[in-house]
Structures are given as structure tokens and as C-alpha cells.
């Protein structure tokens, strides 16, 4: 849980995540379709990251079924869903998430 004195430790990371989420919003369906295509058509054990980046239109992507703003829809699963959302980013964004040390403050 983030306590009052630690709010500043979460404001910037959440701002960055929300900005990334907004950028990916327009192409979320294309990324989901690409994931389904790779799994159903080719049964790829690992995702083709180049195709996912192309589908997102950016050098990063998120393959989660939900967006950041969707996470509040199920409060009882918020922590698990947020972790899944963070884990669904491309490796370059995961590196940013690690630098922000977001996982250490997760206790809802």
C-alpha cells in the first residue's frame, strides 16, 4: 500500500503508464487480433514482438485484454489484474516499470 508520504513515488509512474495506455488505446484491438492470430494460426510459443509492435504502431505494446482504466471494474481482483497488466507490456516498457519499482508498492 502506498502511504501518504510515498504518494510522489507512484504519481510519476502512474502518469507514465496512463500516457502509454492512452497511446495504445486506438490500436488495442489490432494488437489483440495479432495475438489471437499468432496463437491460433501458428501456435507460436513465443510472441512475434515485431508484429506486435507493428500492430500497436509504436515501439512498445501491451497484450493485456484490459486497459488501465478498466482495472477498477473488479476491485476484488485489482492487485492481480494490475500485475497482469504490467506483465503484458513489451520488454522495453517492463524495463521502465522495473526502474520505477512499481511492484514493491503493490499491496491493495
PDB file of N, CA and C in Angstrom:
ATOM      1  N   UNK A   1       0.846  -1.160   0.000  1.00  0.00           N
ATOM      2  CA  UNK A   1       0.000   0.000   0.000  1.00  0.00           C
ATOM      3  C   UNK A   1       0.900   1.235   0.000  1.00  0.00           C
ATOM      4  N   UNK A   2       0.466   2.240  -0.684  1.00  0.00           N
ATOM      5  CA  UNK A   2       1.198   3.495  -0.708  1.00  0.00           C
ATOM      6  C   UNK A   2       0.673   4.393   0.405  1.00  0.00           C
ATOM      7  N   UNK A   3       1.557   4.796   1.287  1.00  0.00           N
ATOM      8  CA  UNK A   3       1.171   5.678   2.373  1.00  0.00           C
ATOM      9  C   UNK A   3       1.344   7.124   1.939  1.00  0.00           C
ATOM     10  N   UNK A   4       0.757   8.015   2.676  1.00  0.00           N
ATOM     11  CA  UNK A   4       0.693   9.428   2.304  1.00  0.00           C
ATOM     12  C   UNK A   4       2.052   9.995   1.890  1.00  0.00           C
ATOM     13  N   UNK A   5       3.104   9.749   2.621  1.00  0.00           N
ATOM     14  CA  UNK A   5       4.422  10.290   2.308  1.00  0.00           C
ATOM     15  C   UNK A   5       5.055   9.692   1.060  1.00  0.00           C
ATOM     16  N   UNK A   6       4.504   8.594   0.582  1.00  0.00           N
ATOM     17  CA  UNK A   6       5.066   7.902  -0.583  1.00  0.00           C
ATOM     18  C   UNK A   6       4.270   8.144  -1.865  1.00  0.00           C
ATOM     19  N   UNK A   7       3.270   9.003  -1.808  1.00  0.00           N
ATOM     20  CA  UNK A   7       2.452   9.265  -2.989  1.00  0.00           C
ATOM     21  C   UNK A   7       3.301   9.705  -4.174  1.00  0.00           C
ATOM     22  N   UNK A   8       4.316  10.514  -3.915  1.00  0.00           N
ATOM     23  CA  UNK A   8       5.147  11.014  -5.015  1.00  0.00           C
ATOM     24  C   UNK A   8       5.869   9.872  -5.725  1.00  0.00           C
ATOM     25  N   UNK A   9       6.070   8.746  -5.022  1.00  0.00           N
ATOM     26  CA  UNK A   9       6.739   7.604  -5.631  1.00  0.00           C
ATOM     27  C   UNK A   9       5.851   6.886  -6.641  1.00  0.00           C
ATOM     28  N   UNK A  10       4.559   7.159  -6.608  1.00  0.00           N
ATOM     29  CA  UNK A  10       3.636   6.481  -7.509  1.00  0.00           C
ATOM     30  C   UNK A  10       3.027   7.424  -8.540  1.00  0.00           C
ATOM     31  N   UNK A  11       3.030   8.705  -8.278  1.00  0.00           N
ATOM     32  CA  UNK A  11       2.374   9.640  -9.197  1.00  0.00           C
ATOM     33  C   UNK A  11       3.027   9.640 -10.575  1.00  0.00           C
ATOM     34  N   UNK A  12       4.346   9.789 -10.645  1.00  0.00           N
ATOM     35  CA  UNK A  12       5.018   9.809 -11.945  1.00  0.00           C
ATOM     36  C   UNK A  12       4.873   8.478 -12.680  1.00  0.00           C
ATOM     37  N   UNK A  13       5.130   7.333 -12.023  1.00  0.00           N
ATOM     38  CA  UNK A  13       4.949   6.071 -12.742  1.00  0.00           C
ATOM     39  C   UNK A  13       3.525   5.875 -13.279  1.00  0.00           C
ATOM     40  N   UNK A  14       2.519   6.250 -12.477  1.00  0.00           N
ATOM     41  CA  UNK A  14       1.140   6.084 -12.927  1.00  0.00           C
ATOM     42  C   UNK A  14       0.825   7.044 -14.071  1.00  0.00           C
ATOM     43  N   UNK A  15       1.392   8.223 -14.031  1.00  0.00           N
ATOM     44  CA  UNK A  15       1.225   9.178 -15.119  1.00  0.00           C
ATOM     45  C   UNK A  15       1.809   8.596 -16.404  1.00  0.00           C
ATOM     46  N   UNK A  16       2.999   8.021 -16.310  1.00  0.00           N
ATOM     47  CA  UNK A  16       3.646   7.418 -17.488  1.00  0.00           C
ATOM     48  C   UNK A  16       2.810   6.251 -18.006  1.00  0.00           C
ATOM     49  N   UNK A  17       2.357   5.379 -17.098  1.00  0.00           N
ATOM     50  CA  UNK A  17       1.535   4.241 -17.524  1.00  0.00           C
ATOM     51  C   UNK A  17       0.249   4.693 -18.202  1.00  0.00           C
ATOM     52  N   UNK A  18      -0.377   5.702 -17.642  1.00  0.00           N
ATOM     53  CA  UNK A  18      -1.627   6.197 -18.239  1.00  0.00           C
ATOM     54  C   UNK A  18      -1.378   6.793 -19.615  1.00  0.00           C
ATOM     55  N   UNK A  19      -0.265   7.487 -19.764  1.00  0.00           N
ATOM     56  CA  UNK A  19       0.074   8.075 -21.065  1.00  0.00           C
ATOM     57  C   UNK A  19       0.309   6.976 -22.100  1.00  0.00           C
ATOM     58  N   UNK A  20       1.045   5.950 -21.717  1.00  0.00           N
ATOM     59  CA  UNK A  20       1.270   4.820 -22.622  1.00  0.00           C
ATOM     60  C   UNK A  20      -0.054   4.145 -22.975  1.00  0.00           C
ATOM     61  N   UNK A  21      -0.898   3.984 -21.969  1.00  0.00           N
ATOM     62  CA  UNK A  21      -2.200   3.363 -22.166  1.00  0.00           C
ATOM     63  C   UNK A  21      -3.045   4.162 -23.159  1.00  0.00           C
ATOM     64  N   UNK A  22      -3.005   5.489 -23.030  1.00  0.00           N
ATOM     65  CA  UNK A  22      -3.754   6.355 -23.950  1.00  0.00           C
ATOM     66  C   UNK A  22      -3.237   6.213 -25.381  1.00  0.00           C
ATOM     67  N   UNK A  23      -1.926   6.138 -25.524  1.00  0.00           N
ATOM     68  CA  UNK A  23      -1.346   5.988 -26.858  1.00  0.00           C
ATOM     69  C   UNK A  23      -1.756   4.653 -27.492  1.00  0.00           C
ATOM     70  N   UNK A  24      -1.812   3.611 -26.683  1.00  0.00           N
ATOM     71  CA  UNK A  24      -2.130   2.278 -27.203  1.00  0.00           C
ATOM     72  C   UNK A  24      -3.624   2.022 -27.388  1.00  0.00           C
ATOM     73  N   UNK A  25      -4.434   2.918 -26.868  1.00  0.00           N
ATOM     74  CA  UNK A  25      -5.887   2.721 -26.888  1.00  0.00           C
ATOM     75  C   UNK A  25      -6.437   2.530 -28.306  1.00  0.00           C
ATOM     76  N   UNK A  26      -5.972   3.323 -29.246  1.00  0.00           N
ATOM     77  CA  UNK A  26      -6.503   3.258 -30.616  1.00  0.00           C
ATOM     78  C   UNK A  26      -6.205   1.942 -31.317  1.00  0.00           C
ATOM     79  N   UNK A  27      -5.098   1.287 -30.951  1.00  0.00           N
ATOM     80  CA  UNK A  27      -4.705   0.070 -31.649  1.00  0.00           C
ATOM     81  C   UNK A  27      -4.839  -1.177 -30.776  1.00  0.00           C
ATOM     82  N   UNK A  28      -5.536  -1.064 -29.653  1.00  0.00           N
ATOM     83  CA  UNK A  28      -5.699  -2.196 -28.731  1.00  0.00           C
ATOM     84  C   UNK A  28      -6.310  -3.412 -29.431  1.00  0.00           C
ATOM     85  N   UNK A  29      -7.323  -3.183 -30.235  1.00  0.00           N
ATOM     86  CA  UNK A  29      -7.982  -4.295 -30.937  1.00  0.00           C
ATOM     87  C   UNK A  29      -7.049  -4.961 -31.952  1.00  0.00           C
ATOM     88  N   UNK A  30      -6.249  -4.178 -32.662  1.00  0.00           N
ATOM     89  CA  UNK A  30      -5.309  -4.742 -33.628  1.00  0.00           C
ATOM     90  C   UNK A  30      -4.268  -5.617 -32.931  1.00  0.00           C
ATOM     91  N   UNK A  31      -3.815  -5.181 -31.767  1.00  0.00           N
ATOM     92  CA  UNK A  31      -2.846  -5.975 -31.007  1.00  0.00           C
ATOM     93  C   UNK A  31      -3.493  -7.274 -30.533  1.00  0.00           C
ATOM     94  N   UNK A  32      -4.718  -7.186 -30.034  1.00  0.00           N
ATOM     95  CA  UNK A  32      -5.428  -8.392 -29.603  1.00  0.00           C
ATOM     96  C   UNK A  32      -5.644  -9.355 -30.766  1.00  0.00           C
ATOM     97  N   UNK A  33      -5.969  -8.823 -31.924  1.00  0.00           N
ATOM     98  CA  UNK A  33      -6.135  -9.656 -33.116  1.00  0.00           C
ATOM     99  C   UNK A  33      -4.818 -10.313 -33.516  1.00  0.00           C
ATOM    100  N   UNK A  34      -3.723  -9.576 -33.405  1.00  0.00           N
ATOM    101  CA  UNK A  34      -2.406 -10.128 -33.739  1.00  0.00           C
ATOM    102  C   UNK A  34      -2.025 -11.250 -32.775  1.00  0.00           C
ATOM    103  N   UNK A  35      -2.311 -11.064 -31.497  1.00  0.00           N
ATOM    104  CA  UNK A  35      -2.037 -12.109 -30.506  1.00  0.00           C
ATOM    105  C   UNK A  35      -2.850 -13.355 -30.841  1.00  0.00           C
ATOM    106  N   UNK A  36      -4.133 -13.173 -31.118  1.00  0.00           N
ATOM    107  CA  UNK A  36      -5.001 -14.307 -31.466  1.00  0.00           C
ATOM    108  C   UNK A  36      -4.507 -14.988 -32.734  1.00  0.00           C
ATOM    109  N   UNK A  37      -4.118 -14.202 -33.722  1.00  0.00           N
ATOM    110  CA  UNK A  37      -3.602 -14.747 -34.979  1.00  0.00           C
ATOM    111  C   UNK A  37      -2.361 -15.591 -34.727  1.00  0.00           C
ATOM    112  N   UNK A  38      -1.440 -15.069 -33.956  1.00  0.00           N
ATOM    113  CA  UNK A  38      -0.201 -15.804 -33.685  1.00  0.00           C
ATOM    114  C   UNK A  38      -0.472 -17.099 -32.934  1.00  0.00           C
ATOM    115  N   UNK A  39      -1.408 -17.059 -32.002  1.00  0.00           N
ATOM    116  CA  UNK A  39      -1.687 -18.250 -31.196  1.00  0.00           C
ATOM    117  C   UNK A  39      -2.510 -19.279 -31.963  1.00  0.00           C
ATOM    118  N   UNK A  40      -3.531 -18.801 -32.690  1.00  0.00           N
ATOM    119  CA  UNK A  40      -4.436 -19.727 -33.368  1.00  0.00           C
ATOM    120  C   UNK A  40      -3.861 -20.240 -34.689  1.00  0.00           C
ATOM    121  N   UNK A  41      -3.310 -19.361 -35.484  1.00  0.00           N
ATOM    122  CA  UNK A  41      -2.818 -19.744 -36.801  1.00  0.00           C
ATOM    123  C   UNK A  41      -1.473 -20.460 -36.751  1.00  0.00           C
ATOM    124  N   UNK A  42      -0.596 -19.977 -35.904  1.00  0.00           N
ATOM    125  CA  UNK A  42       0.758 -20.518 -35.887  1.00  0.00           C
ATOM    126  C   UNK A  42       1.095 -21.280 -34.618  1.00  0.00           C
ATOM    127  N   UNK A  43       0.315 -21.094 -33.574  1.00  0.00           N
ATOM    128  CA  UNK A  43       0.585 -21.758 -32.308  1.00  0.00           C
ATOM    129  C   UNK A  43       1.967 -21.419 -31.777  1.00  0.00           C
ATOM    130  N   UNK A  44       2.391 -20.192 -31.990  1.00  0.00           N
ATOM    131  CA  UNK A  44       3.728 -19.783 -31.576  1.00  0.00           C
ATOM    132  C   UNK A  44       3.867 -19.830 -30.059  1.00  0.00           C
ATOM    133  N   UNK A  45       4.927 -20.476 -29.564  1.00  0.00           N
ATOM    134  CA  UNK A  45       5.139 -20.497 -28.118  1.00  0.00           C
ATOM    135  C   UNK A  45       5.538 -19.124 -27.581  1.00  0.00           C
ATOM    136  N   UNK A  46       6.244 -18.365 -28.394  1.00  0.00           N
ATOM    137  CA  UNK A  46       6.639 -17.002 -28.028  1.00  0.00           C
ATOM    138  C   UNK A  46       6.030 -16.049 -29.038  1.00  0.00           C
ATOM    139  N   UNK A  47       5.679 -14.884 -28.576  1.00  0.00           N
ATOM    140  CA  UNK A  47       5.048 -13.882 -29.429  1.00  0.00           C
ATOM    141  C   UNK A  47       6.074 -13.274 -30.381  1.00  0.00           C
ATOM    142  N   UNK A  48       5.646 -12.976 -31.588  1.00  0.00           N
ATOM    143  CA  UNK A  48       6.481 -12.250 -32.544  1.00  0.00           C
ATOM    144  C   UNK A  48       6.388 -10.772 -32.186  1.00  0.00           C
ATOM    145  N   UNK A  49       7.408 -10.282 -31.503  1.00  0.00           N
ATOM    146  CA  UNK A  49       7.372  -8.915 -30.993  1.00  0.00           C
ATOM    147  C   UNK A  49       7.348  -7.876 -32.107  1.00  0.00           C
ATOM    148  N   UNK A  50       7.995  -8.171 -33.226  1.00  0.00           N
ATOM    149  CA  UNK A  50       7.978  -7.212 -34.340  1.00  0.00           C
ATOM    150  C   UNK A  50       6.560  -7.006 -34.859  1.00  0.00           C
ATOM    151  N   UNK A  51       5.815  -8.086 -34.975  1.00  0.00           N
ATOM    152  CA  UNK A  51       4.433  -7.994 -35.457  1.00  0.00           C
ATOM    153  C   UNK A  51       3.556  -7.253 -34.438  1.00  0.00           C
ATOM    154  N   UNK A  52       3.811  -7.464 -33.161  1.00  0.00           N
ATOM    155  CA  UNK A  52       3.034  -6.773 -32.127  1.00  0.00           C
ATOM    156  C   UNK A  52       3.343  -5.279 -32.119  1.00  0.00           C
ATOM    157  N   UNK A  53       4.604  -4.925 -32.311  1.00  0.00           N
ATOM    158  CA  UNK A  53       4.961  -3.504 -32.401  1.00  0.00           C
ATOM    159  C   UNK A  53       4.318  -2.873 -33.627  1.00  0.00           C
ATOM    160  N   UNK A  54       4.307  -3.606 -34.714  1.00  0.00           N
ATOM    161  CA  UNK A  54       3.675  -3.084 -35.934  1.00  0.00           C
ATOM    162  C   UNK A  54       2.171  -2.898 -35.720  1.00  0.00           C
ATOM    163  N   UNK A  55       1.552  -3.845 -35.047  1.00  0.00           N
ATOM    164  CA  UNK A  55       0.108  -3.745 -34.786  1.00  0.00           C
ATOM    165  C   UNK A  55      -0.210  -2.563 -33.871  1.00  0.00           C
ATOM    166  N   UNK A  56       0.677  -2.294 -32.912  1.00  0.00           N
ATOM    167  CA  UNK A  56       0.426  -1.186 -31.980  1.00  0.00           C
ATOM    168  C   UNK A  56       0.736   0.167 -32.619  1.00  0.00           C
ATOM    169  N   UNK A  57       1.614   0.171 -33.611  1.00  0.00           N
ATOM    170  CA  UNK A  57       2.012   1.429 -34.242  1.00  0.00           C
ATOM    171  C   UNK A  57       3.110   2.149 -33.487  1.00  0.00           C
ATOM    172  N   UNK A  58       3.648   1.511 -32.458  1.00  0.00           N
ATOM    173  CA  UNK A  58       4.714   2.095 -31.634  1.00  0.00           C
ATOM    174  C   UNK A  58       5.814   1.058 -31.428  1.00  0.00           C
ATOM    175  N   UNK A  59       6.871   1.463 -30.757  1.00  0.00           N
ATOM    176  CA  UNK A  59       7.960   0.529 -30.449  1.00  0.00           C
ATOM    177  C   UNK A  59       7.673  -0.246 -29.166  1.00  0.00           C
ATOM    178  N   UNK A  60       6.471  -0.130 -28.652  1.00  0.00           N
ATOM    179  CA  UNK A  60       6.044  -0.839 -27.457  1.00  0.00           C
ATOM    180  C   UNK A  60       4.606  -1.291 -27.655  1.00  0.00           C
ATOM    181  N   UNK A  61       4.153  -2.193 -26.809  1.00  0.00           N
ATOM    182  CA  UNK A  61       2.789  -2.711 -26.895  1.00  0.00           C
ATOM    183  C   UNK A  61       2.390  -3.287 -25.542  1.00  0.00           C
ATOM    184  N   UNK A  62       1.115  -3.596 -25.419  1.00  0.00           N
ATOM    185  CA  UNK A  62       0.592  -4.276 -24.242  1.00  0.00           C
ATOM    186  C   UNK A  62      -0.430  -5.290 -24.745  1.00  0.00           C
ATOM    187  N   UNK A  63      -0.258  -6.545 -24.367  1.00  0.00           N
ATOM    188  CA  UNK A  63      -1.143  -7.598 -24.863  1.00  0.00           C
ATOM    189  C   UNK A  63      -2.254  -7.966 -23.877  1.00  0.00           C
ATOM    190  N   UNK A  64      -2.389  -7.219 -22.789  1.00  0.00           N
ATOM    191  CA  UNK A  64      -3.464  -7.477 -21.818  1.00  0.00           C
ATOM    192  C   UNK A  64      -4.821  -7.230 -22.471  1.00  0.00           C
ATOM    193  N   UNK A  65      -5.815  -7.956 -22.012  1.00  0.00           N
ATOM    194  CA  UNK A  65      -7.171  -7.794 -22.544  1.00  0.00           C
ATOM    195  C   UNK A  65      -7.827  -6.497 -22.078  1.00  0.00           C
ATOM    196  N   UNK A  66      -7.270  -5.899 -21.045  1.00  0.00           N
ATOM    197  CA  UNK A  66      -7.861  -4.701 -20.457  1.00  0.00           C
ATOM    198  C   UNK A  66      -6.908  -3.524 -20.561  1.00  0.00           C
ATOM    199  N   UNK A  67      -7.477  -2.347 -20.423  1.00  0.00           N
ATOM    200  CA  UNK A  67      -6.662  -1.137 -20.356  1.00  0.00           C
ATOM    201  C   UNK A  67      -6.528  -0.732 -18.887  1.00  0.00           C
ATOM    202  N   UNK A  68      -5.724   0.252 -18.636  1.00  0.00           N
ATOM    203  CA  UNK A  68      -5.508   0.704 -17.265  1.00  0.00           C
ATOM    204  C   UNK A  68      -6.802   1.165 -16.609  1.00  0.00           C
ATOM    205  N   UNK A  69      -7.631   1.883 -17.348  1.00  0.00           N
ATOM    206  CA  UNK A  69      -8.876   2.376 -16.757  1.00  0.00           C
ATOM    207  C   UNK A  69      -9.902   1.268 -16.520  1.00  0.00           C
ATOM    208  N   UNK A  70      -9.765   0.138 -17.199  1.00  0.00           N
ATOM    209  CA  UNK A  70     -10.668  -0.999 -16.996  1.00  0.00           C
ATOM    210  C   UNK A  70     -10.399  -1.742 -15.690  1.00  0.00           C
ATOM    211  N   UNK A  71      -9.228  -1.556 -15.127  1.00  0.00           N
ATOM    212  CA  UNK A  71      -8.827  -2.327 -13.955  1.00  0.00           C
ATOM    213  C   UNK A  71      -9.698  -2.070 -12.732  1.00  0.00           C
ATOM    214  N   UNK A  72     -10.295  -0.915 -12.638  1.00  0.00           N
ATOM    215  CA  UNK A  72     -11.105  -0.588 -11.465  1.00  0.00           C
ATOM    216  C   UNK A  72     -12.465  -1.279 -11.484  1.00  0.00           C
ATOM    217  N   UNK A  73     -12.799  -1.946 -12.562  1.00  0.00           N
ATOM    218  CA  UNK A  73     -14.089  -2.606 -12.688  1.00  0.00           C
ATOM    219  C   UNK A  73     -14.271  -3.803 -11.778  1.00  0.00           C
ATOM    220  N   UNK A  74     -13.173  -4.368 -11.275  1.00  0.00           N
ATOM    221  CA  UNK A  74     -13.252  -5.535 -10.403  1.00  0.00           C
ATOM    222  C   UNK A  74     -12.320  -5.313  -9.207  1.00  0.00           C
ATOM    223  N   UNK A  75     -12.777  -4.563  -8.210  1.00  0.00           N
ATOM    224  CA  UNK A  75     -11.909  -4.197  -7.073  1.00  0.00           C
ATOM    225  C   UNK A  75     -11.313  -5.387  -6.326  1.00  0.00           C
ATOM    226  N   UNK A  76     -12.022  -6.503  -6.268  1.00  0.00           N
ATOM    227  CA  UNK A  76     -11.510  -7.654  -5.529  1.00  0.00           C
ATOM    228  C   UNK A  76     -10.297  -8.287  -6.219  1.00  0.00           C
ATOM    229  N   UNK A  77     -10.139  -8.036  -7.504  1.00  0.00           N
ATOM    230  CA  UNK A  77      -9.016  -8.591  -8.259  1.00  0.00           C
ATOM    231  C   UNK A  77      -8.048  -7.518  -8.740  1.00  0.00           C
ATOM    232  N   UNK A  78      -8.126  -6.335  -8.157  1.00  0.00           N
ATOM    233  CA  UNK A  78      -7.334  -5.204  -8.630  1.00  0.00           C
ATOM    234  C   UNK A  78      -5.835  -5.493  -8.640  1.00  0.00           C
ATOM    235  N   UNK A  79      -5.310  -6.031  -7.556  1.00  0.00           N
ATOM    236  CA  UNK A  79      -3.870  -6.288  -7.490  1.00  0.00           C
ATOM    237  C   UNK A  79      -3.434  -7.290  -8.556  1.00  0.00           C
ATOM    238  N   UNK A  80      -4.152  -8.413  -8.675  1.00  0.00           N
ATOM    239  CA  UNK A  80      -3.803  -9.423  -9.676  1.00  0.00           C
ATOM    240  C   UNK A  80      -3.934  -8.880 -11.096  1.00  0.00           C
ATOM    241  N   UNK A  81      -5.007  -8.144 -11.339  1.00  0.00           N
ATOM    242  CA  UNK A  81      -5.217  -7.584 -12.680  1.00  0.00           C
ATOM    243  C   UNK A  81      -4.165  -6.535 -13.021  1.00  0.00           C
ATOM    244  N   UNK A  82      -3.772  -5.728 -12.036  1.00  0.00           N
ATOM    245  CA  UNK A  82      -2.748  -4.714 -12.274  1.00  0.00           C
ATOM    246  C   UNK A  82      -1.406  -5.374 -12.572  1.00  0.00           C
ATOM    247  N   UNK A  83      -1.062  -6.416 -11.821  1.00  0.00           N
ATOM    248  CA  UNK A  83       0.179  -7.150 -12.089  1.00  0.00           C
ATOM    249  C   UNK A  83       0.148  -7.747 -13.490  1.00  0.00           C
ATOM    250  N   UNK A  84      -0.982  -8.336 -13.868  1.00  0.00           N
ATOM    251  CA  UNK A  84      -1.114  -8.908 -15.216  1.00  0.00           C
ATOM    252  C   UNK A  84      -0.962  -7.819 -16.274  1.00  0.00           C
ATOM    253  N   UNK A  85      -1.576  -6.678 -16.034  1.00  0.00           N
ATOM    254  CA  UNK A  85      -1.477  -5.549 -16.959  1.00  0.00           C
ATOM    255  C   UNK A  85      -0.018  -5.122 -17.122  1.00  0.00           C
ATOM    256  N   UNK A  86       0.702  -4.985 -16.014  1.00  0.00           N
ATOM    257  CA  UNK A  86       2.114  -4.595 -16.087  1.00  0.00           C
ATOM    258  C   UNK A  86       2.948  -5.651 -16.797  1.00  0.00           C
ATOM    259  N   UNK A  87       2.683  -6.916 -16.513  1.00  0.00           N
ATOM    260  CA  UNK A  87       3.436  -8.016 -17.131  1.00  0.00           C
ATOM    261  C   UNK A  87       3.163  -8.153 -18.624  1.00  0.00           C
ATOM    262  N   UNK A  88       2.086  -7.552 -19.103  1.00  0.00           N
ATOM    263  CA  UNK A  88       1.687  -7.685 -20.508  1.00  0.00           C
ATOM    264  C   UNK A  88       2.331  -6.650 -21.423  1.00  0.00           C
ATOM    265  N   UNK A  89       3.126  -5.761 -20.869  1.00  0.00           N
ATOM    266  CA  UNK A  89       3.834  -4.788 -21.693  1.00  0.00           C
ATOM    267  C   UNK A  89       5.024  -5.435 -22.391  1.00  0.00           C
ATOM    268  N   UNK A  90       5.483  -4.782 -23.425  1.00  0.00           N
ATOM    269  CA  UNK A  90       6.700  -5.210 -24.109  1.00  0.00           C
ATOM    270  C   UNK A  90       7.891  -5.022 -23.173  1.00  0.00           C
ATOM    271  N   UNK A  91       8.994  -5.686 -23.488  1.00  0.00           N
ATOM    272  CA  UNK A  91      10.158  -5.674 -22.608  1.00  0.00           C
ATOM    273  C   UNK A  91      10.713  -4.273 -22.360  1.00  0.00           C
ATOM    274  N   UNK A  92      10.648  -3.408 -23.369  1.00  0.00           N
ATOM    275  CA  UNK A  92      11.197  -2.062 -23.169  1.00  0.00           C
ATOM    276  C   UNK A  92      10.391  -1.271 -22.137  1.00  0.00           C
ATOM    277  N   UNK A  93       9.094  -1.478 -22.064  1.00  0.00           N
ATOM    278  CA  UNK A  93       8.283  -0.811 -21.044  1.00  0.00           C
ATOM    279  C   UNK A  93       8.452  -1.512 -19.697  1.00  0.00           C
ATOM    280  N   UNK A  94       8.620  -2.819 -19.705  1.00  0.00           N
ATOM    281  CA  UNK A  94       8.861  -3.538 -18.452  1.00  0.00           C
ATOM    282  C   UNK A  94      10.131  -3.022 -17.782  1.00  0.00           C
ATOM    283  N   UNK A  95      11.104  -2.650 -18.567  1.00  0.00           N
ATOM    284  CA  UNK A  95      12.334  -2.086 -18.020  1.00  0.00           C
ATOM    285  C   UNK A  95      12.042  -0.768 -17.289  1.00  0.00           C
ATOM    286  N   UNK A  96      11.182   0.039 -17.860  1.00  0.00           N
ATOM    287  CA  UNK A  96      10.778   1.299 -17.213  1.00  0.00           C
ATOM    288  C   UNK A  96      10.030   1.009 -15.919  1.00  0.00           C
ATOM    289  N   UNK A  97       9.133   0.033 -15.960  1.00  0.00           N
ATOM    290  CA  UNK A  97       8.356  -0.351 -14.777  1.00  0.00           C
ATOM    291  C   UNK A  97       9.296  -0.804 -13.660  1.00  0.00           C
ATOM    292  N   UNK A  98      10.318  -1.568 -14.017  1.00  0.00           N
ATOM    293  CA  UNK A  98      11.292  -2.017 -13.016  1.00  0.00           C
ATOM    294  C   UNK A  98      12.058  -0.841 -12.427  1.00  0.00           C
ATOM    295  N   UNK A  99      12.416   0.124 -13.251  1.00  0.00           N
ATOM    296  CA  UNK A  99      13.144   1.304 -12.762  1.00  0.00           C
ATOM    297  C   UNK A  99      12.286   2.103 -11.784  1.00  0.00           C
ATOM    298  N   UNK A 100      11.003   2.160 -12.034  1.00  0.00           N
ATOM    299  CA  UNK A 100      10.093   2.850 -11.119  1.00  0.00           C
ATOM    300  C   UNK A 100       9.824   2.028  -9.860  1.00  0.00           C
ATOM    301  N   UNK A 101      10.181   0.745  -9.881  1.00  0.00           N
ATOM    302  CA  UNK A 101       9.990  -0.150  -8.746  1.00  0.00           C
ATOM    303  C   UNK A 101       8.519  -0.232  -8.339  1.00  0.00           C
ATOM    304  N   UNK A 102       7.651  -0.310  -9.332  1.00  0.00           N
ATOM    305  CA  UNK A 102       6.210  -0.340  -9.069  1.00  0.00           C
ATOM    306  C   UNK A 102       5.751  -1.591  -8.313  1.00  0.00           C
ATOM    307  N   UNK A 103       6.381  -2.727  -8.570  1.00  0.00           N
ATOM    308  CA  UNK A 103       5.925  -3.945  -7.935  1.00  0.00           C
ATOM    309  C   UNK A 103       6.110  -3.936  -6.422  1.00  0.00           C
ATOM    310  N   UNK A 104       7.108  -3.199  -5.937  1.00  0.00           N
ATOM    311  CA  UNK A 104       7.370  -3.215  -4.498  1.00  0.00           C
ATOM    312  C   UNK A 104       6.259  -2.565  -3.686  1.00  0.00           C
ATOM    313  N   UNK A 105       5.512  -1.659  -4.289  1.00  0.00           N
ATOM    314  CA  UNK A 105       4.441  -0.977  -3.564  1.00  0.00           C
ATOM    315  C   UNK A 105       3.083  -1.598  -3.737  1.00  0.00           C
ATOM    316  N   UNK A 106       3.010  -2.733  -4.418  1.00  0.00           N
ATOM    317  CA  UNK A 106       1.706  -3.331  -4.679  1.00  0.00           C
ATOM    318  C   UNK A 106       1.217  -4.169  -3.500  1.00  0.00           C
ATOM    319  N   UNK A 107       0.322  -3.609  -2.775  1.00  0.00           N
ATOM    320  CA  UNK A 107      -0.401  -4.316  -1.710  1.00  0.00           C
ATOM    321  C   UNK A 107      -1.714  -3.581  -1.546  1.00  0.00           C
ATOM    322  N   UNK A 108      -2.732  -4.051  -2.210  1.00  0.00           N
ATOM    323  CA  UNK A 108      -4.027  -3.358  -2.188  1.00  0.00           C
ATOM    324  C   UNK A 108      -4.853  -3.849  -1.024  1.00  0.00           C
TER     325      UNK A 108
END
